[in-house]
């Protein structure tokens, strides 16, 4: 039976930062990187596979200014680079040969309504992510992952509606990609927890390629550190000026 959105009970927690060393920003960055690094469909060449995270996904040529920003999505059958040359900064569905094959959202209280398409009946509004993925783009697989409770929800497009899949041991198999997707407990980026990760036809977790460089710190962290360095440099500069004004040597400062 098709999944009924209105009876779904959304998660009641967000990522507990007091008990988890990850901020929500760090989790999304690390989790997206792990998904991209292990997204290797064996039935497609690597240059015909694209993975996007938190970039604009434009879905309707009649409303060209409207877009969604999936936490992560995967497309097969398209060039990894836009027109074979440039890094993709967005994905404009009507300019591409294929829509995404799978989309993943990381659940939180503040995004549950949007992710699940729970809008009041009769209220005209911008389509929710659920509506866009199901009705506009007709994305075959929609995955919801609640990182606080390690809860995995999977939906498959059947006809015009999403139907819920029942994971087997916290895994689902996606025939069109010849890949499995499930919860793997292990250490990634120095953090031990359950992560979403791709597996191969034998059920083995796909290894992260050795040529993948460690992720840089989130921009906000980098900016904060840079501000601290600049502040210390300014303090040192001011101190030198004061000492110089009273005739003290400043070579060792």
C-alpha atoms as a PDB file:
ATOM      1  CA  UNK A   1       0.000   0.000   0.000  1.00  0.00           C
ATOM      2  CA  UNK A   2       1.200   3.549  -0.705  1.00  0.00           C
ATOM      3  CA  UNK A   3       2.680   5.347   2.252  1.00  0.00           C
ATOM      4  CA  UNK A   4       0.258   7.728   4.014  1.00  0.00           C
ATOM      5  CA  UNK A   5       2.117  10.856   5.007  1.00  0.00           C
ATOM      6  CA  UNK A   6      -0.498  12.167   7.413  1.00  0.00           C
ATOM      7  CA  UNK A   7      -0.148   9.253   9.880  1.00  0.00           C
ATOM      8  CA  UNK A   8       3.625   9.358  10.125  1.00  0.00           C
ATOM      9  CA  UNK A   9       5.017  10.264  13.542  1.00  0.00           C
ATOM     10  CA  UNK A  10       8.021  12.491  12.987  1.00  0.00           C
ATOM     11  CA  UNK A  11      11.163  12.166  15.123  1.00  0.00           C
ATOM     12  CA  UNK A  12      11.054  13.986  18.447  1.00  0.00           C
ATOM     13  CA  UNK A  13      14.760  14.714  18.852  1.00  0.00           C
ATOM     14  CA  UNK A  14      17.485  16.581  17.104  1.00  0.00           C
ATOM     15  CA  UNK A  15      21.178  15.765  17.325  1.00  0.00           C
ATOM     16  CA  UNK A  16      22.093  15.910  21.016  1.00  0.00           C
ATOM     17  CA  UNK A  17      25.226  18.015  20.982  1.00  0.00           C
ATOM     18  CA  UNK A  18      25.877  17.634  24.711  1.00  0.00           C
ATOM     19  CA  UNK A  19      26.327  13.862  24.387  1.00  0.00           C
ATOM     20  CA  UNK A  20      27.724  13.691  20.872  1.00  0.00           C
ATOM     21  CA  UNK A  21      31.089  15.170  19.823  1.00  0.00           C
ATOM     22  CA  UNK A  22      29.602  16.095  16.442  1.00  0.00           C
ATOM     23  CA  UNK A  23      27.779  19.292  15.683  1.00  0.00           C
ATOM     24  CA  UNK A  24      24.922  18.911  13.207  1.00  0.00           C
ATOM     25  CA  UNK A  25      27.009  20.806  10.642  1.00  0.00           C
ATOM     26  CA  UNK A  26      29.938  18.435  11.071  1.00  0.00           C
ATOM     27  CA  UNK A  27      27.700  15.378  10.893  1.00  0.00           C
ATOM     28  CA  UNK A  28      26.156  16.493   7.620  1.00  0.00           C
ATOM     29  CA  UNK A  29      29.580  17.242   6.143  1.00  0.00           C
ATOM     30  CA  UNK A  30      31.124  13.926   7.200  1.00  0.00           C
ATOM     31  CA  UNK A  31      28.074  11.820   6.365  1.00  0.00           C
ATOM     32  CA  UNK A  32      27.711  13.367   2.913  1.00  0.00           C
ATOM     33  CA  UNK A  33      31.392  12.773   2.205  1.00  0.00           C
ATOM     34  CA  UNK A  34      31.157   9.117   3.246  1.00  0.00           C
ATOM     35  CA  UNK A  35      28.122   8.591   1.007  1.00  0.00           C
ATOM     36  CA  UNK A  36      29.823  10.228  -1.960  1.00  0.00           C
ATOM     37  CA  UNK A  37      33.095   8.349  -1.418  1.00  0.00           C
ATOM     38  CA  UNK A  38      31.372   4.949  -1.417  1.00  0.00           C
ATOM     39  CA  UNK A  39      28.761   5.663  -4.104  1.00  0.00           C
ATOM     40  CA  UNK A  40      30.204   3.464  -6.839  1.00  0.00           C
ATOM     41  CA  UNK A  41      27.455   1.764  -8.888  1.00  0.00           C
ATOM     42  CA  UNK A  42      29.147  -1.135 -10.686  1.00  0.00           C
ATOM     43  CA  UNK A  43      26.851  -0.798 -13.704  1.00  0.00           C
ATOM     44  CA  UNK A  44      28.002   2.769 -14.470  1.00  0.00           C
ATOM     45  CA  UNK A  45      31.432   4.198 -15.207  1.00  0.00           C
ATOM     46  CA  UNK A  46      32.738   6.661 -12.636  1.00  0.00           C
ATOM     47  CA  UNK A  47      32.503   9.598 -15.049  1.00  0.00           C
ATOM     48  CA  UNK A  48      28.771   8.909 -15.433  1.00  0.00           C
ATOM     49  CA  UNK A  49      28.003   9.187 -11.725  1.00  0.00           C
ATOM     50  CA  UNK A  50      27.307  12.435  -9.877  1.00  0.00           C
ATOM     51  CA  UNK A  51      26.684  12.977  -6.169  1.00  0.00           C
ATOM     52  CA  UNK A  52      25.508  16.304  -4.796  1.00  0.00           C
ATOM     53  CA  UNK A  53      25.063  17.560  -1.241  1.00  0.00           C
ATOM     54  CA  UNK A  54      23.360  20.761  -0.147  1.00  0.00           C
ATOM     55  CA  UNK A  55      23.282  22.276  -3.631  1.00  0.00           C
ATOM     56  CA  UNK A  56      20.254  23.776  -5.337  1.00  0.00           C
ATOM     57  CA  UNK A  57      18.086  21.255  -7.172  1.00  0.00           C
ATOM     58  CA  UNK A  58      15.803  23.069  -9.637  1.00  0.00           C
ATOM     59  CA  UNK A  59      12.742  20.965 -10.381  1.00  0.00           C
ATOM     60  CA  UNK A  60      10.172  22.805 -12.540  1.00  0.00           C
ATOM     61  CA  UNK A  61      10.799  24.878 -15.706  1.00  0.00           C
ATOM     62  CA  UNK A  62       7.454  26.631 -15.129  1.00  0.00           C
ATOM     63  CA  UNK A  63       8.827  27.911 -11.809  1.00  0.00           C
ATOM     64  CA  UNK A  64      12.506  28.308 -12.624  1.00  0.00           C
ATOM     65  CA  UNK A  65      13.314  30.247  -9.445  1.00  0.00           C
ATOM     66  CA  UNK A  66      12.095  27.534  -7.086  1.00  0.00           C
ATOM     67  CA  UNK A  67      14.471  24.871  -5.849  1.00  0.00           C
ATOM     68  CA  UNK A  68      15.155  22.398  -3.053  1.00  0.00           C
ATOM     69  CA  UNK A  69      18.459  21.665  -1.324  1.00  0.00           C
ATOM     70  CA  UNK A  70      18.654  17.924  -0.606  1.00  0.00           C
ATOM     71  CA  UNK A  71      21.116  16.858   2.058  1.00  0.00           C
ATOM     72  CA  UNK A  72      22.453  14.333  -0.468  1.00  0.00           C
ATOM     73  CA  UNK A  73      21.416  12.936  -3.844  1.00  0.00           C
ATOM     74  CA  UNK A  74      22.881  10.650  -6.478  1.00  0.00           C
ATOM     75  CA  UNK A  75      22.451  10.701 -10.255  1.00  0.00           C
ATOM     76  CA  UNK A  76      23.585   8.091 -12.772  1.00  0.00           C
ATOM     77  CA  UNK A  77      23.895   8.371 -16.541  1.00  0.00           C
ATOM     78  CA  UNK A  78      25.053  12.000 -16.521  1.00  0.00           C
ATOM     79  CA  UNK A  79      28.496  13.570 -16.745  1.00  0.00           C
ATOM     80  CA  UNK A  80      30.163  14.126 -13.396  1.00  0.00           C
ATOM     81  CA  UNK A  81      31.067  17.618 -14.651  1.00  0.00           C
ATOM     82  CA  UNK A  82      28.540  20.058 -16.087  1.00  0.00           C
ATOM     83  CA  UNK A  83      28.781  19.856 -19.888  1.00  0.00           C
ATOM     84  CA  UNK A  84      31.897  17.777 -19.297  1.00  0.00           C
ATOM     85  CA  UNK A  85      33.901  20.795 -18.125  1.00  0.00           C
ATOM     86  CA  UNK A  86      32.740  22.576 -14.979  1.00  0.00           C
ATOM     87  CA  UNK A  87      32.051  21.587 -11.387  1.00  0.00           C
ATOM     88  CA  UNK A  88      28.316  21.457 -10.765  1.00  0.00           C
ATOM     89  CA  UNK A  89      27.194  24.256  -8.442  1.00  0.00           C
ATOM     90  CA  UNK A  90      23.528  23.297  -8.886  1.00  0.00           C
ATOM     91  CA  UNK A  91      21.418  20.727 -10.726  1.00  0.00           C
ATOM     92  CA  UNK A  92      18.796  22.004 -13.175  1.00  0.00           C
ATOM     93  CA  UNK A  93      16.601  18.998 -13.896  1.00  0.00           C
ATOM     94  CA  UNK A  94      15.177  20.171 -17.238  1.00  0.00           C
ATOM     95  CA  UNK A  95      18.669  20.756 -18.615  1.00  0.00           C
ATOM     96  CA  UNK A  96      19.818  17.228 -17.792  1.00  0.00           C
ATOM     97  CA  UNK A  97      19.204  13.818 -19.341  1.00  0.00           C
ATOM     98  CA  UNK A  98      18.228  12.225 -16.025  1.00  0.00           C
ATOM     99  CA  UNK A  99      16.744  13.204 -12.691  1.00  0.00           C
ATOM    100  CA  UNK A 100      18.336  11.990  -9.453  1.00  0.00           C
ATOM    101  CA  UNK A 101      17.968   8.259  -8.837  1.00  0.00           C
ATOM    102  CA  UNK A 102      18.118   8.538  -5.061  1.00  0.00           C
ATOM    103  CA  UNK A 103      17.786  11.359  -2.545  1.00  0.00           C
ATOM    104  CA  UNK A 104      18.649  11.300   1.161  1.00  0.00           C
ATOM    105  CA  UNK A 105      17.546  13.668   3.915  1.00  0.00           C
ATOM    106  CA  UNK A 106      18.982  13.767   7.442  1.00  0.00           C
ATOM    107  CA  UNK A 107      15.977  14.152   9.720  1.00  0.00           C
ATOM    108  CA  UNK A 108      15.542  16.777  12.436  1.00  0.00           C
ATOM    109  CA  UNK A 109      12.555  18.372  14.156  1.00  0.00           C
ATOM    110  CA  UNK A 110      12.858  21.575  12.182  1.00  0.00           C
ATOM    111  CA  UNK A 111      12.901  19.787   8.809  1.00  0.00           C
ATOM    112  CA  UNK A 112      10.467  16.898   9.408  1.00  0.00           C
ATOM    113  CA  UNK A 113       7.396  18.674   8.041  1.00  0.00           C
ATOM    114  CA  UNK A 114       9.189  19.653   4.847  1.00  0.00           C
ATOM    115  CA  UNK A 115      10.850  16.253   4.396  1.00  0.00           C
ATOM    116  CA  UNK A 116       7.590  14.355   4.912  1.00  0.00           C
ATOM    117  CA  UNK A 117       5.309  16.664   2.940  1.00  0.00           C
ATOM    118  CA  UNK A 118       3.057  17.354   5.914  1.00  0.00           C
ATOM    119  CA  UNK A 119       1.242  20.517   4.817  1.00  0.00           C
ATOM    120  CA  UNK A 120      -2.275  21.565   5.884  1.00  0.00           C
ATOM    121  CA  UNK A 121      -4.969  20.366   3.478  1.00  0.00           C
ATOM    122  CA  UNK A 122      -6.230  23.093   1.163  1.00  0.00           C
ATOM    123  CA  UNK A 123      -3.365  25.463   1.838  1.00  0.00           C
ATOM    124  CA  UNK A 124      -1.640  26.591  -1.355  1.00  0.00           C
ATOM    125  CA  UNK A 125       2.073  26.752  -0.784  1.00  0.00           C
ATOM    126  CA  UNK A 126       5.430  25.940  -2.326  1.00  0.00           C
ATOM    127  CA  UNK A 127       5.731  22.170  -2.832  1.00  0.00           C
ATOM    128  CA  UNK A 128       7.509  20.337  -0.031  1.00  0.00           C
ATOM    129  CA  UNK A 129      10.574  18.190  -0.610  1.00  0.00           C
ATOM    130  CA  UNK A 130       8.418  15.075  -0.473  1.00  0.00           C
ATOM    131  CA  UNK A 131       6.100  16.462  -3.160  1.00  0.00           C
ATOM    132  CA  UNK A 132       8.985  17.561  -5.368  1.00  0.00           C
ATOM    133  CA  UNK A 133      10.774  14.216  -5.141  1.00  0.00           C
ATOM    134  CA  UNK A 134       7.598  12.166  -5.622  1.00  0.00           C
ATOM    135  CA  UNK A 135       5.495  14.216  -8.039  1.00  0.00           C
ATOM    136  CA  UNK A 136       7.808  16.561  -9.931  1.00  0.00           C
ATOM    137  CA  UNK A 137      11.079  14.658 -10.281  1.00  0.00           C
ATOM    138  CA  UNK A 138       9.731  11.146  -9.637  1.00  0.00           C
ATOM    139  CA  UNK A 139      12.920  10.086  -7.902  1.00  0.00           C
ATOM    140  CA  UNK A 140      12.843   6.275  -7.548  1.00  0.00           C
ATOM    141  CA  UNK A 141      14.266   6.117  -4.012  1.00  0.00           C
ATOM    142  CA  UNK A 142      13.786   8.490  -1.087  1.00  0.00           C
ATOM    143  CA  UNK A 143      15.720   7.819   2.129  1.00  0.00           C
ATOM    144  CA  UNK A 144      15.219   9.464   5.526  1.00  0.00           C
ATOM    145  CA  UNK A 145      17.883   9.036   8.194  1.00  0.00           C
ATOM    146  CA  UNK A 146      17.439  10.269  11.758  1.00  0.00           C
ATOM    147  CA  UNK A 147      21.029  10.498  13.100  1.00  0.00           C
ATOM    148  CA  UNK A 148      19.911  11.039  16.688  1.00  0.00           C
ATOM    149  CA  UNK A 149      18.000   7.759  16.876  1.00  0.00           C
ATOM    150  CA  UNK A 150      19.854   5.929  14.073  1.00  0.00           C
ATOM    151  CA  UNK A 151      16.508   5.361  12.389  1.00  0.00           C
ATOM    152  CA  UNK A 152      16.434   4.530   8.689  1.00  0.00           C
ATOM    153  CA  UNK A 153      13.275   4.986   6.580  1.00  0.00           C
ATOM    154  CA  UNK A 154      13.234   4.033   2.902  1.00  0.00           C
ATOM    155  CA  UNK A 155      10.650   4.681   0.196  1.00  0.00           C
ATOM    156  CA  UNK A 156      10.376   3.415  -3.376  1.00  0.00           C
ATOM    157  CA  UNK A 157       8.328   5.095  -6.096  1.00  0.00           C
ATOM    158  CA  UNK A 158       5.616   2.718  -7.310  1.00  0.00           C
ATOM    159  CA  UNK A 159       3.373   4.251  -9.945  1.00  0.00           C
ATOM    160  CA  UNK A 160       2.866   7.816  -8.781  1.00  0.00           C
ATOM    161  CA  UNK A 161       3.330   7.306  -5.036  1.00  0.00           C
ATOM    162  CA  UNK A 162       6.067   6.372  -2.618  1.00  0.00           C
ATOM    163  CA  UNK A 163       5.687   3.039  -0.868  1.00  0.00           C
ATOM    164  CA  UNK A 164       7.636   2.258   2.267  1.00  0.00           C
ATOM    165  CA  UNK A 165      10.348  -0.391   2.120  1.00  0.00           C
ATOM    166  CA  UNK A 166      11.228  -2.581   5.063  1.00  0.00           C
ATOM    167  CA  UNK A 167      15.004  -2.638   5.594  1.00  0.00           C
ATOM    168  CA  UNK A 168      16.578  -6.024   6.292  1.00  0.00           C
ATOM    169  CA  UNK A 169      18.998  -5.692   9.196  1.00  0.00           C
ATOM    170  CA  UNK A 170      19.053  -1.938   8.654  1.00  0.00           C
ATOM    171  CA  UNK A 171      19.881  -2.310   4.956  1.00  0.00           C
ATOM    172  CA  UNK A 172      18.033  -1.956   1.670  1.00  0.00           C
ATOM    173  CA  UNK A 173      19.027  -3.235  -1.764  1.00  0.00           C
ATOM    174  CA  UNK A 174      18.727  -0.943  -4.817  1.00  0.00           C
ATOM    175  CA  UNK A 175      18.722  -3.067  -7.992  1.00  0.00           C
ATOM    176  CA  UNK A 176      19.075  -0.154 -10.426  1.00  0.00           C
ATOM    177  CA  UNK A 177      22.392   0.787  -8.824  1.00  0.00           C
ATOM    178  CA  UNK A 178      23.574  -2.708  -7.909  1.00  0.00           C
ATOM    179  CA  UNK A 179      24.265  -1.276  -4.470  1.00  0.00           C
ATOM    180  CA  UNK A 180      22.983  -1.711  -0.958  1.00  0.00           C
ATOM    181  CA  UNK A 181      22.540   1.103   1.553  1.00  0.00           C
ATOM    182  CA  UNK A 182      22.541   0.605   5.284  1.00  0.00           C
ATOM    183  CA  UNK A 183      23.758   1.570   8.725  1.00  0.00           C
ATOM    184  CA  UNK A 184      27.397   0.797   9.414  1.00  0.00           C
ATOM    185  CA  UNK A 185      28.835   1.143  12.909  1.00  0.00           C
ATOM    186  CA  UNK A 186      32.433   2.224  12.771  1.00  0.00           C
ATOM    187  CA  UNK A 187      34.952   5.047  12.990  1.00  0.00           C
ATOM    188  CA  UNK A 188      34.919   7.701  10.289  1.00  0.00           C
ATOM    189  CA  UNK A 189      36.762  11.028  10.511  1.00  0.00           C
ATOM    190  CA  UNK A 190      37.757   9.995  14.038  1.00  0.00           C
ATOM    191  CA  UNK A 191      34.127   9.629  15.167  1.00  0.00           C
ATOM    192  CA  UNK A 192      32.619   6.275  16.146  1.00  0.00           C
ATOM    193  CA  UNK A 193      28.885   6.025  15.527  1.00  0.00           C
ATOM    194  CA  UNK A 194      26.406   4.589  13.054  1.00  0.00           C
ATOM    195  CA  UNK A 195      26.808   5.998   9.555  1.00  0.00           C
ATOM    196  CA  UNK A 196      24.913   5.542   6.311  1.00  0.00           C
ATOM    197  CA  UNK A 197      27.159   3.676   3.914  1.00  0.00           C
ATOM    198  CA  UNK A 198      26.965   1.887   0.575  1.00  0.00           C
ATOM    199  CA  UNK A 199      27.632  -1.841   0.209  1.00  0.00           C
ATOM    200  CA  UNK A 200      28.271  -4.064  -2.802  1.00  0.00           C
ATOM    201  CA  UNK A 201      26.352  -7.034  -4.193  1.00  0.00           C
ATOM    202  CA  UNK A 202      28.056  -9.364  -1.682  1.00  0.00           C
ATOM    203  CA  UNK A 203      26.969  -7.176   1.214  1.00  0.00           C
ATOM    204  CA  UNK A 204      30.488  -5.915   1.921  1.00  0.00           C
ATOM    205  CA  UNK A 205      30.866  -2.272   2.869  1.00  0.00           C
ATOM    206  CA  UNK A 206      32.496  -0.331   0.057  1.00  0.00           C
ATOM    207  CA  UNK A 207      35.900   1.017   1.030  1.00  0.00           C
ATOM    208  CA  UNK A 208      36.661   4.724   0.969  1.00  0.00           C
ATOM    209  CA  UNK A 209      39.200   5.261  -1.853  1.00  0.00           C
ATOM    210  CA  UNK A 210      42.704   5.968  -0.562  1.00  0.00           C
ATOM    211  CA  UNK A 211      43.039   8.995  -2.829  1.00  0.00           C
ATOM    212  CA  UNK A 212      40.190  10.736  -0.999  1.00  0.00           C
ATOM    213  CA  UNK A 213      41.751  13.453   1.132  1.00  0.00           C
ATOM    214  CA  UNK A 214      40.561  14.075   4.702  1.00  0.00           C
ATOM    215  CA  UNK A 215      37.731  16.555   4.879  1.00  0.00           C
ATOM    216  CA  UNK A 216      38.664  20.083   5.797  1.00  0.00           C
ATOM    217  CA  UNK A 217      37.014  21.546   8.853  1.00  0.00           C
ATOM    218  CA  UNK A 218      33.649  23.245   8.354  1.00  0.00           C
ATOM    219  CA  UNK A 219      33.989  26.810   7.147  1.00  0.00           C
ATOM    220  CA  UNK A 220      32.542  28.220  10.344  1.00  0.00           C
ATOM    221  CA  UNK A 221      35.320  26.516  12.331  1.00  0.00           C
ATOM    222  CA  UNK A 222      37.987  27.809   9.962  1.00  0.00           C
ATOM    223  CA  UNK A 223      36.592  31.332  10.122  1.00  0.00           C
ATOM    224  CA  UNK A 224      36.534  31.212  13.931  1.00  0.00           C
ATOM    225  CA  UNK A 225      40.186  30.094  14.076  1.00  0.00           C
ATOM    226  CA  UNK A 226      41.216  32.766  11.592  1.00  0.00           C
ATOM    227  CA  UNK A 227      39.475  35.426  13.698  1.00  0.00           C
ATOM    228  CA  UNK A 228      41.305  34.198  16.800  1.00  0.00           C
ATOM    229  CA  UNK A 229      44.663  34.359  14.995  1.00  0.00           C
ATOM    230  CA  UNK A 230      43.909  37.848  13.691  1.00  0.00           C
ATOM    231  CA  UNK A 231      42.899  38.950  17.182  1.00  0.00           C
ATOM    232  CA  UNK A 232      46.160  37.682  18.687  1.00  0.00           C
ATOM    233  CA  UNK A 233      48.163  39.322  15.925  1.00  0.00           C
ATOM    234  CA  UNK A 234      46.394  42.633  16.546  1.00  0.00           C
ATOM    235  CA  UNK A 235      47.076  42.401  20.303  1.00  0.00           C
ATOM    236  CA  UNK A 236      50.763  41.795  19.576  1.00  0.00           C
ATOM    237  CA  UNK A 237      50.859  44.721  17.166  1.00  0.00           C
ATOM    238  CA  UNK A 238      49.238  47.062  19.699  1.00  0.00           C
ATOM    239  CA  UNK A 239      51.682  45.949  22.388  1.00  0.00           C
ATOM    240  CA  UNK A 240      54.639  46.640  20.117  1.00  0.00           C
ATOM    241  CA  UNK A 241      53.337  50.136  19.421  1.00  0.00           C
ATOM    242  CA  UNK A 242      52.942  50.882  23.131  1.00  0.00           C
ATOM    243  CA  UNK A 243      56.446  49.636  23.949  1.00  0.00           C
ATOM    244  CA  UNK A 244      57.895  51.575  21.061  1.00  0.00           C
ATOM    245  CA  UNK A 245      56.231  54.756  22.299  1.00  0.00           C
ATOM    246  CA  UNK A 246      57.885  54.439  25.715  1.00  0.00           C
ATOM    247  CA  UNK A 247      61.286  53.637  24.252  1.00  0.00           C
ATOM    248  CA  UNK A 248      61.361  49.886  24.869  1.00  0.00           C
ATOM    249  CA  UNK A 249      62.896  47.446  22.382  1.00  0.00           C
ATOM    250  CA  UNK A 250      60.331  45.308  20.591  1.00  0.00           C
ATOM    251  CA  UNK A 251      62.553  42.847  18.688  1.00  0.00           C
ATOM    252  CA  UNK A 252      61.668  39.949  20.998  1.00  0.00           C
ATOM    253  CA  UNK A 253      57.911  40.633  21.150  1.00  0.00           C
END
